[in-house]
Amino acid sequence: ATRKFYAPREWDCAQAFSRVYAHDYQQPMAIAQV
């Protein structure tokens, strides 16, 4: 949401999403946020 306005440093979007894809989320709250 803020990448256009606030970017203190580059972050590896693909690497971060790969951590999410690899995790088996079970809790409704965690699923709702991801």
Full PDB file with SEQRES, HELIX, SHEET, SSBOND, CRYST1, ORIGX, SCALE, CONECT and MASTER records, all heavy atoms in Angstrom:
SEQRES   1 A   34  ALA THR ARG LYS PHE TYR ALA PRO ARG GLU TRP ASP CYS          
SEQRES   2 A   34  ALA GLN ALA PHE SER ARG VAL TYR ALA HIS ASP TYR GLN          
SEQRES   3 A   34  GLN PRO MET ALA ILE ALA GLN VAL                              
HELIX    1 AA1 CYS A   13  ALA A   22  1                                  10    
HELIX    2 AA2 PRO A   28  GLN A   33  1                                   6    
CRYST1    1.000    1.000    1.000  90.00  90.00  90.00 P 1           1          
ORIGX1      1.000000  0.000000  0.000000        0.00000                         
ORIGX2      0.000000  1.000000  0.000000        0.00000                         
ORIGX3      0.000000  0.000000  1.000000        0.00000                         
SCALE1      1.000000  0.000000  0.000000        0.00000                         
SCALE2      0.000000  1.000000  0.000000        0.00000                         
SCALE3      0.000000  0.000000  1.000000        0.00000                         
ATOM      1  N   ALA A   1       0.816  -1.219   0.000  1.00  0.00           N  
ATOM      2  CA  ALA A   1       0.000   0.000   0.000  1.00  0.00           C  
ATOM      3  C   ALA A   1       0.850   1.270   0.000  1.00  0.00           C  
ATOM      4  O   ALA A   1       0.416   2.303  -0.493  1.00  0.00           O  
ATOM      5  CB  ALA A   1      -0.937  -0.008   1.206  1.00  0.00           C  
ATOM      6  N   THR A   2       2.063   1.196   0.549  1.00  0.00           N  
ATOM      7  CA  THR A   2       2.877   2.410   0.692  1.00  0.00           C  
ATOM      8  C   THR A   2       4.095   2.444  -0.219  1.00  0.00           C  
ATOM      9  O   THR A   2       4.877   3.386  -0.134  1.00  0.00           O  
ATOM     10  CB  THR A   2       3.355   2.557   2.154  1.00  0.00           C  
ATOM     11  OG1 THR A   2       4.159   1.411   2.494  1.00  0.00           O  
ATOM     12  CG2 THR A   2       2.182   2.658   3.114  1.00  0.00           C  
ATOM     13  N   ARG A   3       4.245   1.458  -1.092  1.00  0.00           N  
ATOM     14  CA  ARG A   3       5.488   1.382  -1.866  1.00  0.00           C  
ATOM     15  C   ARG A   3       5.709   2.616  -2.741  1.00  0.00           C  
ATOM     16  O   ARG A   3       6.847   2.991  -3.013  1.00  0.00           O  
ATOM     17  CB  ARG A   3       5.565   0.102  -2.689  1.00  0.00           C  
ATOM     18  CG  ARG A   3       4.639   0.024  -3.865  1.00  0.00           C  
ATOM     19  CD  ARG A   3       5.030  -1.042  -4.896  1.00  0.00           C  
ATOM     20  NE  ARG A   3       5.212  -2.362  -4.358  1.00  0.00           N  
ATOM     21  CZ  ARG A   3       6.237  -3.154  -4.696  1.00  0.00           C  
ATOM     22  NH1 ARG A   3       7.136  -2.758  -5.554  1.00  0.00           N  
ATOM     23  NH2 ARG A   3       6.329  -4.361  -4.202  1.00  0.00           N  
ATOM     24  N   LYS A   4       4.629   3.306  -3.166  1.00  0.00           N  
ATOM     25  CA  LYS A   4       4.794   4.497  -4.011  1.00  0.00           C  
ATOM     26  C   LYS A   4       5.203   5.721  -3.198  1.00  0.00           C  
ATOM     27  O   LYS A   4       5.776   6.663  -3.729  1.00  0.00           O  
ATOM     28  CB  LYS A   4       3.486   4.809  -4.740  1.00  0.00           C  
ATOM     29  CG  LYS A   4       3.084   3.771  -5.756  1.00  0.00           C  
ATOM     30  CD  LYS A   4       1.730   4.104  -6.350  1.00  0.00           C  
ATOM     31  CE  LYS A   4       1.268   2.984  -7.256  1.00  0.00           C  
ATOM     32  NZ  LYS A   4      -0.138   3.133  -7.648  1.00  0.00           N  
ATOM     33  N   PHE A   5       4.864   5.717  -1.902  1.00  0.00           N  
ATOM     34  CA  PHE A   5       5.069   6.915  -1.091  1.00  0.00           C  
ATOM     35  C   PHE A   5       6.220   6.788  -0.099  1.00  0.00           C  
ATOM     36  O   PHE A   5       6.809   7.779   0.299  1.00  0.00           O  
ATOM     37  CB  PHE A   5       3.790   7.234  -0.301  1.00  0.00           C  
ATOM     38  CG  PHE A   5       2.553   7.174  -1.140  1.00  0.00           C  
ATOM     39  CD1 PHE A   5       1.677   6.101  -1.042  1.00  0.00           C  
ATOM     40  CD2 PHE A   5       2.269   8.171  -2.065  1.00  0.00           C  
ATOM     41  CE1 PHE A   5       0.533   6.034  -1.825  1.00  0.00           C  
ATOM     42  CE2 PHE A   5       1.131   8.104  -2.849  1.00  0.00           C  
ATOM     43  CZ  PHE A   5       0.269   7.039  -2.733  1.00  0.00           C  
ATOM     44  N   TYR A   6       6.490   5.576   0.316  1.00  0.00           N  
ATOM     45  CA  TYR A   6       7.478   5.393   1.372  1.00  0.00           C  
ATOM     46  C   TYR A   6       8.314   4.163   1.070  1.00  0.00           C  
ATOM     47  O   TYR A   6       7.815   3.054   1.083  1.00  0.00           O  
ATOM     48  CB  TYR A   6       6.766   5.230   2.719  1.00  0.00           C  
ATOM     49  CG  TYR A   6       7.690   4.923   3.878  1.00  0.00           C  
ATOM     50  CD1 TYR A   6       8.553   5.896   4.365  1.00  0.00           C  
ATOM     51  CD2 TYR A   6       7.689   3.671   4.480  1.00  0.00           C  
ATOM     52  CE1 TYR A   6       9.396   5.616   5.423  1.00  0.00           C  
ATOM     53  CE2 TYR A   6       8.540   3.386   5.545  1.00  0.00           C  
ATOM     54  CZ  TYR A   6       9.388   4.368   6.015  1.00  0.00           C  
ATOM     55  OH  TYR A   6      10.218   4.099   7.058  1.00  0.00           O  
ATOM     56  N   ALA A   7       9.579   4.381   0.760  1.00  0.00           N  
ATOM     57  CA  ALA A   7      10.459   3.250   0.455  1.00  0.00           C  
ATOM     58  C   ALA A   7      11.824   3.508   1.063  1.00  0.00           C  
ATOM     59  O   ALA A   7      12.741   3.984   0.398  1.00  0.00           O  
ATOM     60  CB  ALA A   7      10.576   3.068  -1.054  1.00  0.00           C  
ATOM     61  N   PRO A   8      11.969   3.215   2.387  1.00  0.00           N  
ATOM     62  CA  PRO A   8      13.269   3.472   3.007  1.00  0.00           C  
ATOM     63  C   PRO A   8      14.379   2.623   2.406  1.00  0.00           C  
ATOM     64  O   PRO A   8      15.525   3.015   2.386  1.00  0.00           O  
ATOM     65  CB  PRO A   8      13.038   3.104   4.483  1.00  0.00           C  
ATOM     66  CG  PRO A   8      11.853   2.189   4.466  1.00  0.00           C  
ATOM     67  CD  PRO A   8      11.013   2.602   3.295  1.00  0.00           C  
ATOM     68  N   ARG A   9      14.021   1.443   1.932  1.00  0.00           N  
ATOM     69  CA  ARG A   9      15.000   0.601   1.240  1.00  0.00           C  
ATOM     70  C   ARG A   9      14.239  -0.415   0.407  1.00  0.00           C  
ATOM     71  O   ARG A   9      13.063  -0.674   0.630  1.00  0.00           O  
ATOM     72  CB  ARG A   9      15.943  -0.087   2.216  1.00  0.00           C  
ATOM     73  CG  ARG A   9      15.300  -1.083   3.151  1.00  0.00           C  
ATOM     74  CD  ARG A   9      16.329  -1.570   4.170  1.00  0.00           C  
ATOM     75  NE  ARG A   9      15.757  -2.467   5.128  1.00  0.00           N  
ATOM     76  CZ  ARG A   9      15.762  -3.788   5.025  1.00  0.00           C  
ATOM     77  NH1 ARG A   9      16.311  -4.383   3.986  1.00  0.00           N  
ATOM     78  NH2 ARG A   9      15.231  -4.548   5.969  1.00  0.00           N  
ATOM     79  N   GLU A  10      14.926  -0.988  -0.551  1.00  0.00           N  
ATOM     80  CA  GLU A  10      14.305  -1.997  -1.403  1.00  0.00           C  
ATOM     81  C   GLU A  10      13.975  -3.244  -0.581  1.00  0.00           C  
ATOM     82  O   GLU A  10      14.733  -3.627   0.303  1.00  0.00           O  
ATOM     83  CB  GLU A  10      15.259  -2.375  -2.536  1.00  0.00           C  
ATOM     84  CG  GLU A  10      15.384  -1.314  -3.608  1.00  0.00           C  
ATOM     85  CD  GLU A  10      14.127  -1.151  -4.421  1.00  0.00           C  
ATOM     86  OE1 GLU A  10      13.521  -2.166  -4.800  1.00  0.00           O  
ATOM     87  OE2 GLU A  10      13.732   0.008  -4.664  1.00  0.00           O  
ATOM     88  N   TRP A  11      12.859  -3.865  -0.881  1.00  0.00           N  
ATOM     89  CA  TRP A  11      12.548  -5.138  -0.236  1.00  0.00           C  
ATOM     90  C   TRP A  11      12.210  -6.143  -1.324  1.00  0.00           C  
ATOM     91  O   TRP A  11      11.682  -5.793  -2.379  1.00  0.00           O  
ATOM     92  CB  TRP A  11      11.411  -4.991   0.774  1.00  0.00           C  
ATOM     93  CG  TRP A  11      10.076  -4.627   0.205  1.00  0.00           C  
ATOM     94  CD1 TRP A  11       9.690  -3.415  -0.262  1.00  0.00           C  
ATOM     95  CD2 TRP A  11       8.944  -5.501   0.039  1.00  0.00           C  
ATOM     96  NE1 TRP A  11       8.393  -3.464  -0.704  1.00  0.00           N  
ATOM     97  CE2 TRP A  11       7.906  -4.731  -0.528  1.00  0.00           C  
ATOM     98  CE3 TRP A  11       8.712  -6.849   0.332  1.00  0.00           C  
ATOM     99  CZ2 TRP A  11       6.669  -5.256  -0.815  1.00  0.00           C  
ATOM    100  CZ3 TRP A  11       7.473  -7.374   0.049  1.00  0.00           C  
ATOM    101  CH2 TRP A  11       6.469  -6.577  -0.518  1.00  0.00           C  
ATOM    102  N   ASP A  12      12.572  -7.375  -1.087  1.00  0.00           N  
ATOM    103  CA  ASP A  12      12.402  -8.435  -2.078  1.00  0.00           C  
ATOM    104  C   ASP A  12      10.995  -9.014  -1.957  1.00  0.00           C  
ATOM    105  O   ASP A  12      10.737  -9.897  -1.142  1.00  0.00           O  
ATOM    106  CB  ASP A  12      13.450  -9.529  -1.857  1.00  0.00           C  
ATOM    107  CG  ASP A  12      13.482 -10.534  -3.000  1.00  0.00           C  
ATOM    108  OD1 ASP A  12      12.472 -10.672  -3.705  1.00  0.00           O  
ATOM    109  OD2 ASP A  12      14.527 -11.181  -3.177  1.00  0.00           O  
ATOM    110  N   CYS A  13      10.097  -8.465  -2.767  1.00  0.00           N  
ATOM    111  CA  CYS A  13       8.688  -8.856  -2.742  1.00  0.00           C  
ATOM    112  C   CYS A  13       8.530 -10.352  -3.007  1.00  0.00           C  
ATOM    113  O   CYS A  13       7.807 -11.051  -2.294  1.00  0.00           O  
ATOM    114  CB  CYS A  13       7.935  -8.034  -3.772  1.00  0.00           C  
ATOM    115  SG  CYS A  13       6.201  -8.442  -3.951  1.00  0.00           S  
ATOM    116  N   ALA A  14       9.215 -10.862  -4.027  1.00  0.00           N  
ATOM    117  CA  ALA A  14       9.073 -12.275  -4.407  1.00  0.00           C  
ATOM    118  C   ALA A  14       9.536 -13.191  -3.287  1.00  0.00           C  
ATOM    119  O   ALA A  14       8.906 -14.216  -3.005  1.00  0.00           O  
ATOM    120  CB  ALA A  14       9.859 -12.559  -5.686  1.00  0.00           C  
ATOM    121  N   GLN A  15      10.614 -12.819  -2.623  1.00  0.00           N  
ATOM    122  CA  GLN A  15      11.137 -13.643  -1.537  1.00  0.00           C  
ATOM    123  C   GLN A  15      10.158 -13.670  -0.356  1.00  0.00           C  
ATOM    124  O   GLN A  15       9.907 -14.725   0.232  1.00  0.00           O  
ATOM    125  CB  GLN A  15      12.489 -13.094  -1.085  1.00  0.00           C  
ATOM    126  CG  GLN A  15      13.248 -14.040  -0.173  1.00  0.00           C  
ATOM    127  CD  GLN A  15      14.582 -13.466   0.259  1.00  0.00           C  
ATOM    128  OE1 GLN A  15      14.674 -12.291   0.598  1.00  0.00           O  
ATOM    129  NE2 GLN A  15      15.624 -14.279   0.234  1.00  0.00           N  
ATOM    130  N   ALA A  16       9.577 -12.509  -0.045  1.00  0.00           N  
ATOM    131  CA  ALA A  16       8.617 -12.441   1.052  1.00  0.00           C  
ATOM    132  C   ALA A  16       7.373 -13.274   0.741  1.00  0.00           C  
ATOM    133  O   ALA A  16       6.882 -14.023   1.587  1.00  0.00           O  
ATOM    134  CB  ALA A  16       8.228 -10.986   1.321  1.00  0.00           C  
ATOM    135  N   PHE A  17       6.877 -13.166  -0.487  1.00  0.00           N  
ATOM    136  CA  PHE A  17       5.691 -13.934  -0.856  1.00  0.00           C  
ATOM    137  C   PHE A  17       5.980 -15.431  -0.895  1.00  0.00           C  
ATOM    138  O   PHE A  17       5.109 -16.244  -0.604  1.00  0.00           O  
ATOM    139  CB  PHE A  17       5.126 -13.452  -2.197  1.00  0.00           C  
ATOM    140  CG  PHE A  17       4.164 -12.307  -2.053  1.00  0.00           C  
ATOM    141  CD1 PHE A  17       4.588 -10.998  -2.209  1.00  0.00           C  
ATOM    142  CD2 PHE A  17       2.834 -12.537  -1.730  1.00  0.00           C  
ATOM    143  CE1 PHE A  17       3.707  -9.939  -2.056  1.00  0.00           C  
ATOM    144  CE2 PHE A  17       1.950 -11.492  -1.583  1.00  0.00           C  
ATOM    145  CZ  PHE A  17       2.388 -10.181  -1.740  1.00  0.00           C  
ATOM    146  N   SER A  18       7.215 -15.810  -1.222  1.00  0.00           N  
ATOM    147  CA  SER A  18       7.534 -17.233  -1.246  1.00  0.00           C  
ATOM    148  C   SER A  18       7.444 -17.826   0.165  1.00  0.00           C  
ATOM    149  O   SER A  18       7.072 -18.987   0.333  1.00  0.00           O  
ATOM    150  CB  SER A  18       8.920 -17.476  -1.842  1.00  0.00           C  
ATOM    151  OG  SER A  18       9.932 -17.046  -0.953  1.00  0.00           O  
ATOM    152  N   ARG A  19       7.767 -17.037   1.198  1.00  0.00           N  
ATOM    153  CA  ARG A  19       7.619 -17.509   2.577  1.00  0.00           C  
ATOM    154  C   ARG A  19       6.141 -17.743   2.900  1.00  0.00           C  
ATOM    155  O   ARG A  19       5.774 -18.710   3.560  1.00  0.00           O  
ATOM    156  CB  ARG A  19       8.204 -16.491   3.573  1.00  0.00           C  
ATOM    157  CG  ARG A  19       9.699 -16.339   3.523  1.00  0.00           C  
ATOM    158  CD  ARG A  19      10.445 -17.643   3.818  1.00  0.00           C  
ATOM    159  NE  ARG A  19      10.280 -18.115   5.177  1.00  0.00           N  
ATOM    160  CZ  ARG A  19      11.163 -17.966   6.136  1.00  0.00           C  
ATOM    161  NH1 ARG A  19      12.302 -17.327   5.897  1.00  0.00           N  
ATOM    162  NH2 ARG A  19      10.959 -18.454   7.332  1.00  0.00           N  
ATOM    163  N   VAL A  20       5.282 -16.850   2.416  1.00  0.00           N  
ATOM    164  CA  VAL A  20       3.838 -16.978   2.656  1.00  0.00           C  
ATOM    165  C   VAL A  20       3.284 -18.193   1.922  1.00  0.00           C  
ATOM    166  O   VAL A  20       2.517 -18.974   2.482  1.00  0.00           O  
ATOM    167  CB  VAL A  20       3.105 -15.687   2.217  1.00  0.00           C  
ATOM    168  CG1 VAL A  20       1.601 -15.891   2.206  1.00  0.00           C  
ATOM    169  CG2 VAL A  20       3.479 -14.534   3.138  1.00  0.00           C  
ATOM    170  N   TYR A  21       3.682 -18.379   0.669  1.00  0.00           N  
ATOM    171  CA  TYR A  21       3.186 -19.518  -0.119  1.00  0.00           C  
ATOM    172  C   TYR A  21       3.609 -20.853   0.500  1.00  0.00           C  
ATOM    173  O   TYR A  21       2.881 -21.835   0.430  1.00  0.00           O  
ATOM    174  CB  TYR A  21       3.717 -19.461  -1.549  1.00  0.00           C  
ATOM    175  CG  TYR A  21       3.228 -18.290  -2.362  1.00  0.00           C  
ATOM    176  CD1 TYR A  21       4.074 -17.633  -3.250  1.00  0.00           C  
ATOM    177  CD2 TYR A  21       1.920 -17.823  -2.251  1.00  0.00           C  
ATOM    178  CE1 TYR A  21       3.640 -16.553  -3.997  1.00  0.00           C  
ATOM    179  CE2 TYR A  21       1.475 -16.740  -2.989  1.00  0.00           C  
ATOM    180  CZ  TYR A  21       2.341 -16.109  -3.859  1.00  0.00           C  
ATOM    181  OH  TYR A  21       1.907 -15.041  -4.588  1.00  0.00           O  
ATOM    182  N   ALA A  22       4.782 -20.877   1.120  1.00  0.00           N  
ATOM    183  CA  ALA A  22       5.310 -22.131   1.669  1.00  0.00           C  
ATOM    184  C   ALA A  22       4.680 -22.498   3.011  1.00  0.00           C  
ATOM    185  O   ALA A  22       4.810 -23.626   3.467  1.00  0.00           O  
ATOM    186  CB  ALA A  22       6.827 -22.024   1.832  1.00  0.00           C  
ATOM    187  N   HIS A  23       3.989 -21.532   3.637  1.00  0.00           N  
ATOM    188  CA  HIS A  23       3.434 -21.799   4.970  1.00  0.00           C  
ATOM    189  C   HIS A  23       1.993 -22.301   4.871  1.00  0.00           C  
ATOM    190  O   HIS A  23       1.201 -21.817   4.074  1.00  0.00           O  
ATOM    191  CB  HIS A  23       3.472 -20.531   5.826  1.00  0.00           C  
ATOM    192  CG  HIS A  23       3.059 -20.774   7.237  1.00  0.00           C  
ATOM    193  ND1 HIS A  23       3.866 -21.432   8.138  1.00  0.00           N  
ATOM    194  CD2 HIS A  23       1.918 -20.496   7.897  1.00  0.00           C  
ATOM    195  CE1 HIS A  23       3.236 -21.527   9.290  1.00  0.00           C  
ATOM    196  NE2 HIS A  23       2.049 -20.971   9.169  1.00  0.00           N  
ATOM    197  N   ASP A  24       1.672 -23.285   5.697  1.00  0.00           N  
ATOM    198  CA  ASP A  24       0.315 -23.839   5.754  1.00  0.00           C  
ATOM    199  C   ASP A  24      -0.459 -23.116   6.847  1.00  0.00           C  
ATOM    200  O   ASP A  24      -0.431 -23.499   8.008  1.00  0.00           O  
ATOM    201  CB  ASP A  24       0.383 -25.345   6.048  1.00  0.00           C  
ATOM    202  CG  ASP A  24      -0.986 -25.983   6.126  1.00  0.00           C  
ATOM    203  OD1 ASP A  24      -1.960 -25.381   5.627  1.00  0.00           O  
ATOM    204  OD2 ASP A  24      -1.100 -27.092   6.690  1.00  0.00           O  
ATOM    205  N   TYR A  25      -1.119 -22.023   6.474  1.00  0.00           N  
ATOM    206  CA  TYR A  25      -1.865 -21.232   7.445  1.00  0.00           C  
ATOM    207  C   TYR A  25      -3.092 -21.999   7.924  1.00  0.00           C  
ATOM    208  O   TYR A  25      -3.843 -22.541   7.116  1.00  0.00           O  
ATOM    209  CB  TYR A  25      -2.308 -19.898   6.832  1.00  0.00           C  
ATOM    210  CG  TYR A  25      -1.190 -18.901   6.704  1.00  0.00           C  
ATOM    211  CD1 TYR A  25      -0.435 -18.819   5.534  1.00  0.00           C  
ATOM    212  CD2 TYR A  25      -0.876 -18.040   7.738  1.00  0.00           C  
ATOM    213  CE1 TYR A  25       0.603 -17.903   5.417  1.00  0.00           C  
ATOM    214  CE2 TYR A  25       0.157 -17.119   7.631  1.00  0.00           C  
ATOM    215  CZ  TYR A  25       0.888 -17.062   6.466  1.00  0.00           C  
ATOM    216  OH  TYR A  25       1.907 -16.159   6.350  1.00  0.00           O  
ATOM    217  N   GLN A  26      -3.292 -22.045   9.238  1.00  0.00           N  
ATOM    218  CA  GLN A  26      -4.408 -22.759   9.839  1.00  0.00           C  
ATOM    219  C   GLN A  26      -5.379 -21.826  10.559  1.00  0.00           C  
ATOM    220  O   GLN A  26      -6.564 -22.103  10.627  1.00  0.00           O  
ATOM    221  CB  GLN A  26      -3.887 -23.792  10.850  1.00  0.00           C  
ATOM    222  CG  GLN A  26      -2.987 -24.852  10.240  1.00  0.00           C  
ATOM    223  CD  GLN A  26      -3.740 -25.844   9.400  1.00  0.00           C  
ATOM    224  OE1 GLN A  26      -4.861 -26.200   9.717  1.00  0.00           O  
ATOM    225  NE2 GLN A  26      -3.137 -26.282   8.302  1.00  0.00           N  
ATOM    226  N   GLN A  27      -4.879 -20.745  11.123  1.00  0.00           N  
ATOM    227  CA  GLN A  27      -5.714 -19.887  11.957  1.00  0.00           C  
ATOM    228  C   GLN A  27      -6.477 -18.873  11.116  1.00  0.00           C  
ATOM    229  O   GLN A  27      -5.911 -18.222  10.240  1.00  0.00           O  
ATOM    230  CB  GLN A  27      -4.858 -19.154  12.977  1.00  0.00           C  
ATOM    231  CG  GLN A  27      -4.181 -20.103  13.934  1.00  0.00           C  
ATOM    232  CD  GLN A  27      -3.011 -19.461  14.628  1.00  0.00           C  
ATOM    233  OE1 GLN A  27      -2.314 -18.649  14.023  1.00  0.00           O  
ATOM    234  NE2 GLN A  27      -2.784 -19.827  15.868  1.00  0.00           N  
ATOM    235  N   PRO A  28      -7.770 -18.726  11.390  1.00  0.00           N  
ATOM    236  CA  PRO A  28      -8.592 -17.779  10.614  1.00  0.00           C  
ATOM    237  C   PRO A  28      -8.036 -16.360  10.608  1.00  0.00           C  
ATOM    238  O   PRO A  28      -8.056 -15.687   9.575  1.00  0.00           O  
ATOM    239  CB  PRO A  28      -9.956 -17.834  11.319  1.00  0.00           C  
ATOM    240  CG  PRO A  28      -9.994 -19.185  11.948  1.00  0.00           C  
ATOM    241  CD  PRO A  28      -8.570 -19.494  12.354  1.00  0.00           C  
ATOM    242  N   MET A  29      -7.506 -15.882  11.748  1.00  0.00           N  
ATOM    243  CA  MET A  29      -6.981 -14.519  11.808  1.00  0.00           C  
ATOM    244  C   MET A  29      -5.782 -14.352  10.877  1.00  0.00           C  
ATOM    245  O   MET A  29      -5.672 -13.358  10.159  1.00  0.00           O  
ATOM    246  CB  MET A  29      -6.591 -14.167  13.246  1.00  0.00           C  
ATOM    247  CG  MET A  29      -6.070 -12.753  13.394  1.00  0.00           C  
ATOM    248  SD  MET A  29      -7.295 -11.492  13.001  1.00  0.00           S  
ATOM    249  CE  MET A  29      -8.225 -11.462  14.513  1.00  0.00           C  
ATOM    250  N   ALA A  30      -4.883 -15.321  10.878  1.00  0.00           N  
ATOM    251  CA  ALA A  30      -3.703 -15.247  10.014  1.00  0.00           C  
ATOM    252  C   ALA A  30      -4.115 -15.294   8.542  1.00  0.00           C  
ATOM    253  O   ALA A  30      -3.581 -14.561   7.706  1.00  0.00           O  
ATOM    254  CB  ALA A  30      -2.736 -16.383  10.331  1.00  0.00           C  
ATOM    255  N   ILE A  31      -5.087 -16.147   8.226  1.00  0.00           N  
ATOM    256  CA  ILE A  31      -5.575 -16.260   6.840  1.00  0.00           C  
ATOM    257  C   ILE A  31      -6.219 -14.950   6.405  1.00  0.00           C  
ATOM    258  O   ILE A  31      -5.980 -14.461   5.302  1.00  0.00           O  
ATOM    259  CB  ILE A  31      -6.568 -17.434   6.719  1.00  0.00           C  
ATOM    260  CG1 ILE A  31      -5.841 -18.761   6.950  1.00  0.00           C  
ATOM    261  CG2 ILE A  31      -7.262 -17.428   5.354  1.00  0.00           C  
ATOM    262  CD1 ILE A  31      -6.761 -19.951   7.139  1.00  0.00           C  
ATOM    263  N   ALA A  32      -7.022 -14.348   7.297  1.00  0.00           N  
ATOM    264  CA  ALA A  32      -7.711 -13.091   6.973  1.00  0.00           C  
ATOM    265  C   ALA A  32      -6.715 -11.970   6.699  1.00  0.00           C  
ATOM    266  O   ALA A  32      -6.991 -11.068   5.903  1.00  0.00           O  
ATOM    267  CB  ALA A  32      -8.643 -12.701   8.118  1.00  0.00           C  
ATOM    268  N   GLN A  33      -5.552 -12.013   7.335  1.00  0.00           N  
ATOM    269  CA  GLN A  33      -4.576 -10.945   7.129  1.00  0.00           C  
ATOM    270  C   GLN A  33      -3.696 -11.170   5.906  1.00  0.00           C  
ATOM    271  O   GLN A  33      -3.220 -10.221   5.308  1.00  0.00           O  
ATOM    272  CB  GLN A  33      -3.720 -10.781   8.388  1.00  0.00           C  
ATOM    273  CG  GLN A  33      -4.518 -10.201   9.540  1.00  0.00           C  
ATOM    274  CD  GLN A  33      -3.674  -9.915  10.766  1.00  0.00           C  
ATOM    275  OE1 GLN A  33      -2.474 -10.185  10.790  1.00  0.00           O  
ATOM    276  NE2 GLN A  33      -4.290  -9.354  11.777  1.00  0.00           N  
ATOM    277  N   VAL A  34      -3.496 -12.427   5.538  1.00  0.00           N  
ATOM    278  CA  VAL A  34      -2.600 -12.693   4.416  1.00  0.00           C  
ATOM    279  C   VAL A  34      -3.339 -12.723   3.080  1.00  0.00           C  
ATOM    280  O   VAL A  34      -2.757 -12.412   2.031  1.00  0.00           O  
ATOM    281  CB  VAL A  34      -1.805 -13.998   4.653  1.00  0.00           C  
ATOM    282  CG1 VAL A  34      -2.601 -15.233   4.318  1.00  0.00           C  
ATOM    283  CG2 VAL A  34      -0.497 -13.989   3.886  1.00  0.00           C  
TER     284      VAL A  34                                                      
MASTER        0    0    0    2    0    0    0    6  283    1    0    3          
END                                                                             
